[in-house]
Protein backbone atom coordinates (compact mmCIF):
# COMPACT_ATOMS: atom_id res chain seq x y z
CA MET A 1 15.07 -18.53 62.42
CA GLN A 2 12.46 -19.10 59.73
CA LYS A 3 12.11 -15.39 59.29
CA SER A 4 15.87 -15.02 58.77
CA LYS A 5 15.85 -17.66 56.03
CA ILE A 6 13.03 -15.89 54.24
CA LEU A 7 14.89 -12.58 54.39
CA PHE A 8 18.10 -14.24 53.16
CA LEU A 9 16.33 -15.92 50.20
CA THR A 10 14.60 -12.68 49.35
CA PHE A 11 17.96 -10.88 49.36
CA LEU A 12 19.49 -13.52 47.07
CA LEU A 13 16.55 -13.29 44.65
CA ILE A 14 16.82 -9.51 44.44
CA PHE A 15 20.59 -9.73 44.06
CA PHE A 16 20.47 -12.19 41.14
CA LYS A 17 17.66 -10.28 39.48
CA LEU A 18 19.56 -7.00 39.67
CA ASN A 19 22.71 -8.75 38.51
CA SER A 20 20.96 -10.17 35.48
CA PHE A 21 19.58 -6.74 34.66
CA ALA A 22 23.03 -5.20 34.95
CA GLN A 23 24.52 -7.80 32.61
CA GLN A 24 21.80 -7.45 30.01
CA GLY A 25 23.25 -5.92 26.84
CA LYS A 26 21.98 -4.32 23.68
CA GLY A 27 21.50 -5.60 20.18
CA TYR A 28 20.41 -3.78 17.04
CA MET A 29 17.62 -4.25 14.55
CA MET A 30 16.46 -2.65 11.33
CA VAL A 31 12.95 -3.10 9.98
CA ALA A 32 12.12 -2.91 6.28
CA ILE A 33 8.47 -3.64 5.55
CA LYS A 34 6.46 -2.84 2.43
CA PRO A 35 4.33 -0.81 2.19
CA SER A 36 6.24 1.94 3.94
CA ASP A 37 3.17 3.13 5.88
CA ALA A 38 2.81 -0.18 7.73
CA ILE A 39 2.14 -0.02 11.47
CA ILE A 40 4.79 -2.04 13.29
CA ARG A 41 4.88 -3.19 16.90
CA LEU A 42 7.70 -4.84 18.78
CA ASP A 43 5.84 -6.55 21.62
CA THR A 44 3.56 -3.66 22.65
CA MET A 45 5.87 -0.83 21.56
CA ARG A 46 5.24 1.03 18.31
CA ILE A 47 8.39 1.29 16.18
CA TYR A 48 9.11 3.10 12.94
CA GLN A 49 11.08 2.20 9.87
CA LYS A 50 14.38 4.09 9.66
CA GLN A 51 17.57 3.95 7.64
CA SER A 52 19.59 3.24 10.77
CA HIS A 53 19.65 0.36 13.26
CA LEU A 54 17.53 0.63 16.38
CA PRO A 55 19.18 -0.35 19.69
CA VAL A 56 17.08 -2.98 21.46
CA ASP A 57 17.52 -4.96 24.66
CA VAL A 58 18.74 -8.50 24.20
CA GLY A 59 15.90 -11.00 24.11
CA THR A 60 13.14 -12.53 22.01
CA TYR A 61 10.33 -10.30 20.80
CA VAL A 62 7.04 -10.70 19.00
CA ILE A 63 6.87 -8.39 15.99
CA LYS A 64 3.64 -7.54 14.24
CA ALA A 65 3.03 -5.47 11.13
CA TRP A 66 -0.15 -4.36 9.40
CA ALA A 67 -1.20 -1.82 6.78
CA PRO A 68 -4.58 -0.91 5.31
CA ARG A 69 -5.79 -3.52 2.80
CA MET A 70 -2.95 -5.84 3.85
CA LYS A 71 -2.75 -9.05 5.87
CA MET A 72 -1.23 -8.66 9.32
CA ILE A 73 1.91 -10.68 9.94
CA THR A 74 3.15 -11.97 13.30
CA ASP A 75 6.68 -13.26 13.79
CA THR A 76 9.41 -13.55 16.40
CA ILE A 77 12.76 -11.86 16.34
CA HIS A 78 15.81 -12.77 18.43
CA ILE A 79 18.12 -9.94 19.49
CA VAL A 80 21.67 -10.96 20.38
CA GLU A 81 24.12 -8.68 22.16
CA ASN A 82 26.16 -6.46 19.81
CA LYS A 83 24.56 -8.11 16.75
CA ALA A 84 22.47 -6.47 14.06
CA VAL A 85 19.27 -8.10 12.79
CA LEU A 86 17.38 -7.12 9.63
CA PHE A 87 13.65 -7.90 9.56
CA ARG A 88 12.39 -7.60 5.98
CA ARG A 89 8.87 -8.46 4.85
CA LYS A 90 6.40 -7.57 2.09
CA LEU A 91 2.78 -7.53 3.15
CA GLU A 92 0.15 -9.14 0.94
CA TYR A 93 -3.34 -7.94 0.10
CA THR A 94 -6.14 -9.55 2.08
CA ASP A 95 -8.57 -11.88 0.34
CA GLU A 96 -11.37 -9.44 1.18
CA TYR A 97 -9.58 -6.60 -0.63
CA LYS A 98 -8.83 -8.80 -3.65
CA ASN A 99 -12.49 -9.76 -3.83
CA TYR A 100 -13.50 -6.10 -3.52
CA LYS A 101 -11.24 -5.11 -6.44
CA LYS A 102 -12.71 -7.93 -8.55
CA GLU A 103 -16.28 -6.83 -7.77
CA LEU A 104 -15.34 -3.21 -8.50
CA ARG A 105 -13.98 -4.15 -11.95
CA ILE A 106 -17.20 -6.02 -12.74
CA TYR A 107 -19.24 -3.04 -11.55
CA ASN A 108 -17.24 -0.60 -13.70
CA ARG A 109 -17.61 -2.81 -16.77
CA LYS A 110 -21.37 -3.03 -16.35
CA ARG A 111 -21.67 0.66 -15.53
CA TYR A 112 -19.40 2.28 -18.10
CA LEU A 113 -18.64 -0.28 -20.85
CA PRO A 114 -21.83 0.33 -22.89
CA GLY A 115 -21.09 4.04 -23.13
CA ALA A 116 -17.46 3.38 -23.97
CA LEU A 117 -18.43 0.99 -26.79
CA THR A 118 -20.83 3.57 -28.24
CA LEU A 119 -18.13 6.22 -28.14
CA VAL A 120 -15.61 3.88 -29.80
CA ALA A 121 -18.08 2.91 -32.53
CA SER A 122 -18.91 6.56 -33.23
CA LEU A 123 -15.27 7.60 -33.39
CA THR A 124 -14.43 4.63 -35.61
CA TYR A 125 -17.09 5.50 -38.18
CA LEU A 126 -16.12 9.15 -38.00
CA GLY A 127 -12.47 8.25 -38.59
CA PHE A 128 -13.27 6.10 -41.65
CA TYR A 129 -15.58 8.78 -43.04
CA LEU A 130 -12.94 11.50 -42.73
CA LYS A 131 -10.28 9.25 -44.27
CA TYR A 132 -12.34 8.23 -47.32
CA ASP A 133 -13.58 11.78 -47.78
CA SER A 134 -9.99 13.07 -47.68
CA ASP A 135 -8.90 10.37 -50.16
CA ALA A 136 -11.72 11.35 -52.51
CA ASP A 137 -10.65 15.02 -52.45
CA LYS A 138 -7.03 14.01 -53.07
CA TYR A 139 -7.85 11.76 -56.05
CA LEU A 140 -10.22 14.36 -57.51
CA GLU A 141 -7.48 16.97 -57.39
CA LYS A 142 -5.00 14.66 -59.12
CA ALA A 143 -7.57 13.62 -61.75
CA ASN A 144 -8.28 17.25 -62.61
CA ALA A 145 -4.55 17.99 -62.81
CA SER A 146 -4.02 15.01 -65.18
CA LYS A 147 -6.95 16.13 -67.36
CA GLU A 148 -5.55 19.64 -67.67
CA GLU A 149 -2.17 18.17 -68.53
CA TYR A 150 -3.28 15.85 -71.36
CA GLU A 151 -5.55 18.57 -72.82
CA SER A 152 -2.53 20.90 -73.11
CA LEU A 153 -0.18 18.32 -74.66
CA THR A 154 0.50 17.79 -78.38
CA ASP A 155 2.56 14.60 -78.38
CA LEU A 156 0.35 11.54 -78.81
CA VAL A 157 2.33 9.33 -76.41
CA ASP A 158 2.35 11.99 -73.67
CA ILE A 159 -1.38 12.55 -74.18
CA GLN A 160 -2.10 8.83 -73.74
CA LEU A 161 0.03 8.63 -70.56
CA ALA A 162 -1.62 11.69 -69.02
CA LYS A 163 -5.09 10.44 -69.96
CA SER A 164 -4.29 7.04 -68.39
CA ASP A 165 -3.32 8.82 -65.15
CA TYR A 166 -6.55 10.80 -65.29
CA GLU A 167 -8.70 7.70 -65.69
CA ASN A 168 -6.79 5.91 -62.90
CA TYR A 169 -7.29 8.79 -60.45
CA LYS A 170 -10.94 9.12 -61.52
CA ASP A 171 -11.53 5.42 -60.64
CA LEU A 172 -9.80 5.87 -57.27
CA TYR A 173 -11.96 8.96 -56.64
CA ASP A 174 -15.15 7.04 -57.42
CA GLU A 175 -14.11 4.18 -55.08
CA ALA A 176 -13.26 6.57 -52.22
CA LEU A 177 -16.54 8.41 -52.75
CA ASP A 178 -18.50 5.13 -52.63
CA ARG A 179 -16.72 4.17 -49.39
CA THR A 180 -17.58 7.55 -47.89
CA VAL A 181 -21.26 7.14 -48.75
CA ASN A 182 -21.32 3.55 -47.42
CA VAL A 183 -19.71 4.54 -44.10
CA ALA A 184 -22.11 7.45 -43.68
CA THR A 185 -25.08 5.15 -44.41
CA GLN A 186 -23.90 2.52 -41.92
CA ALA A 187 -23.19 5.17 -39.28
CA MET A 188 -26.75 6.52 -39.61
CA ILE A 189 -27.99 3.05 -38.62
CA VAL A 190 -25.37 1.73 -36.20
CA ILE A 191 -24.78 4.84 -34.08
CA PRO A 192 -28.46 5.56 -33.21
CA VAL A 193 -29.01 1.89 -32.37
CA ALA A 194 -25.88 1.93 -30.20
CA VAL A 195 -27.04 5.11 -28.45
CA VAL A 196 -30.47 3.64 -27.67
CA THR A 197 -28.93 0.36 -26.49
CA THR A 198 -26.46 2.26 -24.32
CA GLY A 199 -29.26 4.30 -22.80
CA VAL A 200 -31.20 1.18 -21.86
CA LEU A 201 -28.12 -0.54 -20.43
CA HIS A 202 -27.14 2.62 -18.56
CA TYR A 203 -30.60 2.80 -17.00
CA TYR A 204 -30.32 -0.71 -15.63
CA SER A 205 -26.65 -0.32 -14.67
CA SER A 206 -27.49 2.83 -12.68
CA LYS A 207 -29.42 0.59 -10.31
CA LEU A 208 -26.30 -1.42 -9.54
CA VAL A 209 -24.84 -1.05 -6.06
CA LYS A 210 -21.21 0.01 -6.07
CA PRO A 211 -19.01 -2.30 -3.96
CA VAL A 212 -17.63 -0.80 -0.75
CA PHE A 213 -14.53 -1.97 1.06
CA ASN A 214 -14.52 -1.84 4.86
CA GLU A 215 -11.94 -3.16 7.27
CA VAL A 216 -11.20 -3.01 10.97
CA PRO A 217 -7.65 -1.80 11.81
CA LEU A 218 -5.73 -4.60 13.45
CA LEU A 219 -3.03 -2.56 15.22
CA SER A 220 -3.31 0.57 17.29
CA ASP A 221 -1.92 3.86 16.09
CA ILE A 222 -1.71 5.30 19.63
CA SER A 223 0.09 3.57 22.48
CA PHE A 224 1.59 4.43 25.85
CA ASP A 225 4.32 2.14 27.19
CA TYR A 226 6.15 2.40 30.50
CA LYS A 227 8.84 0.12 31.93
CA PHE A 228 9.39 0.18 35.65
CA THR A 229 12.93 -1.16 35.54
CA GLY A 230 14.90 1.14 33.26
CA GLN A 231 16.47 -0.78 30.38
CA ALA A 232 15.42 -4.18 31.70
CA GLN A 233 12.43 -6.18 30.53
CA GLY A 234 10.11 -5.18 33.34
CA PRO A 235 6.34 -4.88 33.64
CA ARG A 236 4.54 -2.70 31.10
CA LEU A 237 1.47 -0.52 31.00
CA ASN A 238 -0.13 -0.33 27.57
CA PHE A 239 -3.15 1.59 26.35
CA SER A 240 -4.29 1.05 22.76
CA PHE A 241 -6.91 2.83 20.72
CA LYS A 242 -8.38 1.81 17.38
CA PHE A 243 -8.28 4.43 14.68
């Protein structure tokens, strides 16, 4: 008698279990996570971002997403029969990666800024020298033209006007020439000092250790999933490998 009851209860349990499986429906979900190369898992199953909805069994799932340099997120998603669910997230950089970028900027400034400043100083002096030298040539040409003009004139008023232009251009030429000489003199002092200073700073900066960013992947890129019960939420086998 006891054995018959056990068999009957076992039959009822199997019947209701199969019935619940048969009644289980499908819902739909779409995942949109930035960055686009994020690794996404729905429970233990790897899923991919697509432009269409993915059919999923009705139920509650744990969804995880991770990408290199990003914080992993863990959330739950509820799938309702014949309903579409959009899961949208934007991953944030980890504190370790932010700190690495900060240290890398400091390293680059110490390593390359002295040379960059020397180059900028040299180009600045060269630019001023070329400008003042060009201005001097331009004013000299105009002064000579004005001198030739007033020497060929006969009217006293025209002669005075042309001579005034000549003297004005001659003064501008002298000023531009003085600026050219001053810039060249300063450059002969500043640039060698800057080069020596840069060499010393570069020697010490070459001993700096460049920051390195390392991280351990938080989600597997390879997975094997198997469900024993068809579309139902049955037992799973899962093998995961770090990459």
